[in-house]
Each structure stands twice: as structure tokens, then as C-alpha cells.
Amino acid sequence: MADVIFRSATRGDLPAIVALLADDVLGQTRETNADTLDAAYLVAFERILANPNDDLVVADLAGRVVGCLQLTFLSGLSMRGTWRGQVESVRVASDLRGAGIGRSMMLWVIEACRAKGCGLLQLTTNTARIDAQRFYVSLGFKASHVGMKLDLAGSTTG
């Protein structure tokens, strides 16, 4: 989509970003989308802003935030010290899904990672997001690893 501009998010974009994160079955259960922005989002935004290897990116269409993602550059020793791009929280406004915005966003991410010298771009997607998995495969991603997460904030083990 040619009219979409990709740019770093500003504090003023946060309500729209949180609304995008909350706009699906999974997001509704883990995000707080209210008239007053939860302070935790502001704290997280400031942490992202302070990290030179982190960027919260929005897709802007005529002044409307229609997509978002977080791109983090990771260094490591394996693969001979290859830089990695990690993309998370990819969302497109529900009324614009299927219009090519997500594809444009991901192509932008791929080029940003190449420009940084990354040898690998990685992401995780919830196993319930079948359409998202199909989308990433169409871009050339491969399900080469098993991702695991441990909820340190509220899970109990027994």
C-alpha cells in the first residue's frame, strides 16, 4: 500500500497502538484498552525509547495509525556473532486486514534488518493464530524452532 508511511511511534500514538493490540480474541484478554491509558504502557514505551536496539514502529495512513510492530535487534555469539532482528506485536487495524498493509510492514522490517546487517529475522506467533502463521510462511518464514514461554507474572505451577 503506497500511501502508508512507516515511522517510529510517538507517545501520542500509544492509545492507537494499545487499541490495535487489544483488537483480537487474544488481545482482549491481555491488554487494557480504556479511555485512560494504563501507566504500564507509558513505562514500557519509555523503556523501548531508551534502548537503541528497540523500535516501536507504526504504519500511518493519512494520519491514522493502522498498524504497529516492535522491532528489536539482538546480538549473540552463535552463528558467528550474527545480528538478529526480532519482530513482535505485529498488528493491522481489523477494518484494513487483507489490504496489503501487513505485507508492506513486514517487507519494511526485512529491509530494516538487512540494512542493520542482520543475518536472521525471527518472530513468534501464538499457535492459535493460524492465519498469521500462513501469512508469515508466504513471506518466506519457516517454522524451524519450537517457541516456549514461561509466564512469570501470574502463572502457577503445581
C-alpha atoms as a PDB file:
ATOM      1  CA  MET A   1       0.000   0.000   0.000  1.00  0.00           C
ATOM      2  CA  ALA A   2       1.851   3.056  -1.327  1.00  0.00           C
ATOM      3  CA  ASP A   3       0.300   5.711   0.933  1.00  0.00           C
ATOM      4  CA  VAL A   4       1.348   4.029   4.180  1.00  0.00           C
ATOM      5  CA  ILE A   5       4.287   5.619   5.998  1.00  0.00           C
ATOM      6  CA  PHE A   6       6.350   3.622   8.493  1.00  0.00           C
ATOM      7  CA  ARG A   7       7.767   5.631  11.362  1.00  0.00           C
ATOM      8  CA  SER A   8       8.836   5.338  14.967  1.00  0.00           C
ATOM      9  CA  ALA A   9       5.914   5.662  17.335  1.00  0.00           C
ATOM     10  CA  THR A  10       5.398   8.743  19.458  1.00  0.00           C
ATOM     11  CA  ARG A  11       3.786   8.981  22.870  1.00  0.00           C
ATOM     12  CA  GLY A  12       0.684  10.318  21.123  1.00  0.00           C
ATOM     13  CA  ASP A  13       0.400   7.057  19.159  1.00  0.00           C
ATOM     14  CA  LEU A  14       0.127   4.896  22.276  1.00  0.00           C
ATOM     15  CA  PRO A  15      -3.682   4.849  22.578  1.00  0.00           C
ATOM     16  CA  ALA A  16      -3.987   3.713  18.951  1.00  0.00           C
ATOM     17  CA  ILE A  17      -1.265   1.078  19.418  1.00  0.00           C
ATOM     18  CA  VAL A  18      -2.913  -0.329  22.539  1.00  0.00           C
ATOM     19  CA  ALA A  19      -6.244  -0.421  20.695  1.00  0.00           C
ATOM     20  CA  LEU A  20      -4.583  -2.433  17.892  1.00  0.00           C
ATOM     21  CA  LEU A  21      -3.041  -4.835  20.420  1.00  0.00           C
ATOM     22  CA  ALA A  22      -6.437  -5.339  22.084  1.00  0.00           C
ATOM     23  CA  ASP A  23      -8.348  -5.771  18.818  1.00  0.00           C
ATOM     24  CA  ASP A  24      -8.494  -9.552  18.629  1.00  0.00           C
ATOM     25  CA  VAL A  25      -9.585 -12.533  20.683  1.00  0.00           C
ATOM     26  CA  LEU A  26      -6.182 -12.976  22.364  1.00  0.00           C
ATOM     27  CA  GLY A  27      -5.505  -9.270  22.862  1.00  0.00           C
ATOM     28  CA  GLN A  28      -8.854  -8.703  24.548  1.00  0.00           C
ATOM     29  CA  THR A  29      -7.770 -10.957  27.385  1.00  0.00           C
ATOM     30  CA  ARG A  30      -4.317  -9.458  27.992  1.00  0.00           C
ATOM     31  CA  GLU A  31      -4.491  -5.758  27.102  1.00  0.00           C
ATOM     32  CA  THR A  32      -6.137  -2.867  28.910  1.00  0.00           C
ATOM     33  CA  ASN A  33      -7.834  -0.708  26.314  1.00  0.00           C
ATOM     34  CA  ALA A  34      -9.608   2.063  28.226  1.00  0.00           C
ATOM     35  CA  ASP A  35     -10.255   5.771  27.832  1.00  0.00           C
ATOM     36  CA  THR A  36      -7.354   6.454  30.186  1.00  0.00           C
ATOM     37  CA  LEU A  37      -4.113   4.813  29.111  1.00  0.00           C
ATOM     38  CA  ASP A  38      -2.730   2.410  31.731  1.00  0.00           C
ATOM     39  CA  ALA A  39       0.544   3.820  33.109  1.00  0.00           C
ATOM     40  CA  ALA A  40       2.276   0.491  32.437  1.00  0.00           C
ATOM     41  CA  TYR A  41       2.124   1.229  28.697  1.00  0.00           C
ATOM     42  CA  LEU A  42       3.856   4.574  29.224  1.00  0.00           C
ATOM     43  CA  VAL A  43       6.621   2.943  31.279  1.00  0.00           C
ATOM     44  CA  ALA A  44       7.123   0.277  28.615  1.00  0.00           C
ATOM     45  CA  PHE A  45       7.181   2.906  25.861  1.00  0.00           C
ATOM     46  CA  GLU A  46       9.896   4.853  27.689  1.00  0.00           C
ATOM     47  CA  ARG A  47      11.976   1.667  28.074  1.00  0.00           C
ATOM     48  CA  ILE A  48      11.659   0.938  24.361  1.00  0.00           C
ATOM     49  CA  LEU A  49      12.544   4.520  23.505  1.00  0.00           C
ATOM     50  CA  ALA A  50      15.644   4.380  25.737  1.00  0.00           C
ATOM     51  CA  ASN A  51      17.010   1.222  24.093  1.00  0.00           C
ATOM     52  CA  PRO A  52      18.923   1.996  20.864  1.00  0.00           C
ATOM     53  CA  ASN A  53      18.259  -1.552  19.620  1.00  0.00           C
ATOM     54  CA  ASP A  54      14.486  -1.300  20.077  1.00  0.00           C
ATOM     55  CA  ASP A  55      11.920   0.450  17.910  1.00  0.00           C
ATOM     56  CA  LEU A  56       8.162   0.623  18.171  1.00  0.00           C
ATOM     57  CA  VAL A  57       7.000   1.261  14.600  1.00  0.00           C
ATOM     58  CA  VAL A  58       3.613   2.386  13.347  1.00  0.00           C
ATOM     59  CA  ALA A  59       2.056   2.230   9.910  1.00  0.00           C
ATOM     60  CA  ASP A  60       0.497   5.640   9.335  1.00  0.00           C
ATOM     61  CA  LEU A  61      -2.177   6.079   6.669  1.00  0.00           C
ATOM     62  CA  ALA A  62      -3.241   9.702   6.232  1.00  0.00           C
ATOM     63  CA  GLY A  63      -2.591  10.445   9.914  1.00  0.00           C
ATOM     64  CA  ARG A  64      -4.285   7.280  11.217  1.00  0.00           C
ATOM     65  CA  VAL A  65      -2.242   4.564  12.931  1.00  0.00           C
ATOM     66  CA  VAL A  66      -3.339   1.461  11.010  1.00  0.00           C
ATOM     67  CA  GLY A  67      -0.598  -0.948  12.068  1.00  0.00           C
ATOM     68  CA  CYS A  68       2.172  -1.456  14.584  1.00  0.00           C
ATOM     69  CA  LEU A  69       5.086  -3.693  15.413  1.00  0.00           C
ATOM     70  CA  GLN A  70       8.088  -3.819  17.700  1.00  0.00           C
ATOM     71  CA  LEU A  71      11.487  -4.444  16.145  1.00  0.00           C
ATOM     72  CA  THR A  72      14.421  -5.366  18.351  1.00  0.00           C
ATOM     73  CA  PHE A  73      17.960  -6.001  17.211  1.00  0.00           C
ATOM     74  CA  LEU A  74      19.715  -8.748  19.170  1.00  0.00           C
ATOM     75  CA  SER A  75      23.388  -9.577  19.293  1.00  0.00           C
ATOM     76  CA  GLY A  76      24.637 -13.040  20.073  1.00  0.00           C
ATOM     77  CA  LEU A  77      27.607 -15.356  19.826  1.00  0.00           C
ATOM     78  CA  SER A  78      26.016 -18.192  17.885  1.00  0.00           C
ATOM     79  CA  MET A  79      26.127 -18.151  14.108  1.00  0.00           C
ATOM     80  CA  ARG A  80      29.473 -16.374  14.385  1.00  0.00           C
ATOM     81  CA  GLY A  81      28.032 -13.333  16.137  1.00  0.00           C
ATOM     82  CA  THR A  82      25.211 -12.735  13.688  1.00  0.00           C
ATOM     83  CA  TRP A  83      22.877  -9.824  14.401  1.00  0.00           C
ATOM     84  CA  ARG A  84      19.250 -10.891  14.601  1.00  0.00           C
ATOM     85  CA  GLY A  85      16.074  -8.951  14.133  1.00  0.00           C
ATOM     86  CA  GLN A  86      13.183  -9.900  16.409  1.00  0.00           C
ATOM     87  CA  VAL A  87       9.734  -8.673  15.403  1.00  0.00           C
ATOM     88  CA  GLU A  88       6.822  -8.839  17.827  1.00  0.00           C
ATOM     89  CA  SER A  89       3.337  -7.423  18.312  1.00  0.00           C
ATOM     90  CA  VAL A  90       2.564  -7.117  14.611  1.00  0.00           C
ATOM     91  CA  ARG A  91      -0.976  -5.800  14.231  1.00  0.00           C
ATOM     92  CA  VAL A  92      -3.099  -4.263  11.478  1.00  0.00           C
ATOM     93  CA  ALA A  93      -6.402  -2.470  12.032  1.00  0.00           C
ATOM     94  CA  SER A  94      -9.199  -5.015  11.665  1.00  0.00           C
ATOM     95  CA  ASP A  95     -11.035  -2.988   9.018  1.00  0.00           C
ATOM     96  CA  LEU A  96      -7.905  -2.951   6.825  1.00  0.00           C
ATOM     97  CA  ARG A  97      -6.720  -6.545   7.153  1.00  0.00           C
ATOM     98  CA  GLY A  98      -6.186  -8.110   3.758  1.00  0.00           C
ATOM     99  CA  ALA A  99      -5.350  -4.743   2.132  1.00  0.00           C
ATOM    100  CA  GLY A 100      -1.595  -5.415   1.983  1.00  0.00           C
ATOM    101  CA  ILE A 101      -0.576  -3.296   4.974  1.00  0.00           C
ATOM    102  CA  GLY A 102       0.808  -6.257   6.934  1.00  0.00           C
ATOM    103  CA  ARG A 103       2.837  -7.407   3.936  1.00  0.00           C
ATOM    104  CA  SER A 104       4.197  -3.886   3.432  1.00  0.00           C
ATOM    105  CA  MET A 105       5.083  -3.680   7.131  1.00  0.00           C
ATOM    106  CA  MET A 106       6.955  -6.962   7.065  1.00  0.00           C
ATOM    107  CA  LEU A 107       8.810  -6.084   3.853  1.00  0.00           C
ATOM    108  CA  TRP A 108       9.843  -2.843   5.571  1.00  0.00           C
ATOM    109  CA  VAL A 109      11.079  -4.881   8.574  1.00  0.00           C
ATOM    110  CA  ILE A 110      13.057  -7.223   6.334  1.00  0.00           C
ATOM    111  CA  GLU A 111      14.804  -4.280   4.674  1.00  0.00           C
ATOM    112  CA  ALA A 112      15.476  -2.604   8.045  1.00  0.00           C
ATOM    113  CA  CYS A 113      17.109  -5.823   9.260  1.00  0.00           C
ATOM    114  CA  ARG A 114      19.210  -6.125   6.119  1.00  0.00           C
ATOM    115  CA  ALA A 115      20.321  -2.500   6.494  1.00  0.00           C
ATOM    116  CA  LYS A 116      21.398  -3.246  10.084  1.00  0.00           C
ATOM    117  CA  GLY A 117      23.422  -6.237   8.873  1.00  0.00           C
ATOM    118  CA  CYS A 118      21.189  -8.891  10.399  1.00  0.00           C
ATOM    119  CA  GLY A 119      21.679 -12.434   9.195  1.00  0.00           C
ATOM    120  CA  LEU A 120      18.374 -13.608  10.644  1.00  0.00           C
ATOM    121  CA  LEU A 121      14.890 -12.259  11.275  1.00  0.00           C
ATOM    122  CA  GLN A 122      12.837 -14.132  13.833  1.00  0.00           C
ATOM    123  CA  LEU A 123       9.386 -13.873  15.329  1.00  0.00           C
ATOM    124  CA  THR A 124       6.940 -15.784  17.425  1.00  0.00           C
ATOM    125  CA  THR A 125       3.229 -16.052  16.835  1.00  0.00           C
ATOM    126  CA  ASN A 126       0.632 -17.671  19.012  1.00  0.00           C
ATOM    127  CA  THR A 127      -0.274 -21.189  17.902  1.00  0.00           C
ATOM    128  CA  ALA A 128      -3.924 -20.080  17.744  1.00  0.00           C
ATOM    129  CA  ARG A 129      -3.087 -17.515  15.048  1.00  0.00           C
ATOM    130  CA  ILE A 130      -3.381 -19.860  12.060  1.00  0.00           C
ATOM    131  CA  ASP A 131      -3.916 -17.027   9.553  1.00  0.00           C
ATOM    132  CA  ALA A 132      -0.833 -15.218  10.867  1.00  0.00           C
ATOM    133  CA  GLN A 133       1.232 -18.376  10.512  1.00  0.00           C
ATOM    134  CA  ARG A 134       0.093 -18.754   6.890  1.00  0.00           C
ATOM    135  CA  PHE A 135       0.928 -15.091   6.278  1.00  0.00           C
ATOM    136  CA  TYR A 136       4.481 -15.427   7.641  1.00  0.00           C
ATOM    137  CA  VAL A 137       5.094 -18.588   5.616  1.00  0.00           C
ATOM    138  CA  SER A 138       4.006 -16.675   2.484  1.00  0.00           C
ATOM    139  CA  LEU A 139       6.815 -14.204   3.255  1.00  0.00           C
ATOM    140  CA  GLY A 140       9.390 -16.994   3.455  1.00  0.00           C
ATOM    141  CA  PHE A 141       9.473 -17.617   7.206  1.00  0.00           C
ATOM    142  CA  LYS A 142       9.924 -21.227   8.273  1.00  0.00           C
ATOM    143  CA  ALA A 143       8.718 -22.860  11.473  1.00  0.00           C
ATOM    144  CA  SER A 144      12.234 -24.075  12.262  1.00  0.00           C
ATOM    145  CA  HIS A 145      12.149 -23.881  16.065  1.00  0.00           C
ATOM    146  CA  VAL A 146       9.707 -24.528  18.868  1.00  0.00           C
ATOM    147  CA  GLY A 147       9.000 -21.401  20.874  1.00  0.00           C
ATOM    148  CA  MET A 148       8.248 -21.671  24.570  1.00  0.00           C
ATOM    149  CA  LYS A 149       7.242 -19.051  27.102  1.00  0.00           C
ATOM    150  CA  LEU A 150       7.023 -19.040  30.866  1.00  0.00           C
ATOM    151  CA  ASP A 151       4.527 -16.588  32.380  1.00  0.00           C
ATOM    152  CA  LEU A 152       6.458 -15.077  35.283  1.00  0.00           C
ATOM    153  CA  ALA A 153       3.762 -12.545  36.147  1.00  0.00           C
ATOM    154  CA  GLY A 154       0.906 -14.769  37.176  1.00  0.00           C
ATOM    155  CA  SER A 155       1.267 -18.405  36.357  1.00  0.00           C
ATOM    156  CA  THR A 156       1.257 -21.079  38.961  1.00  0.00           C
ATOM    157  CA  THR A 157       2.734 -24.482  38.621  1.00  0.00           C
ATOM    158  CA  GLY A 158       1.582 -27.388  40.562  1.00  0.00           C
END
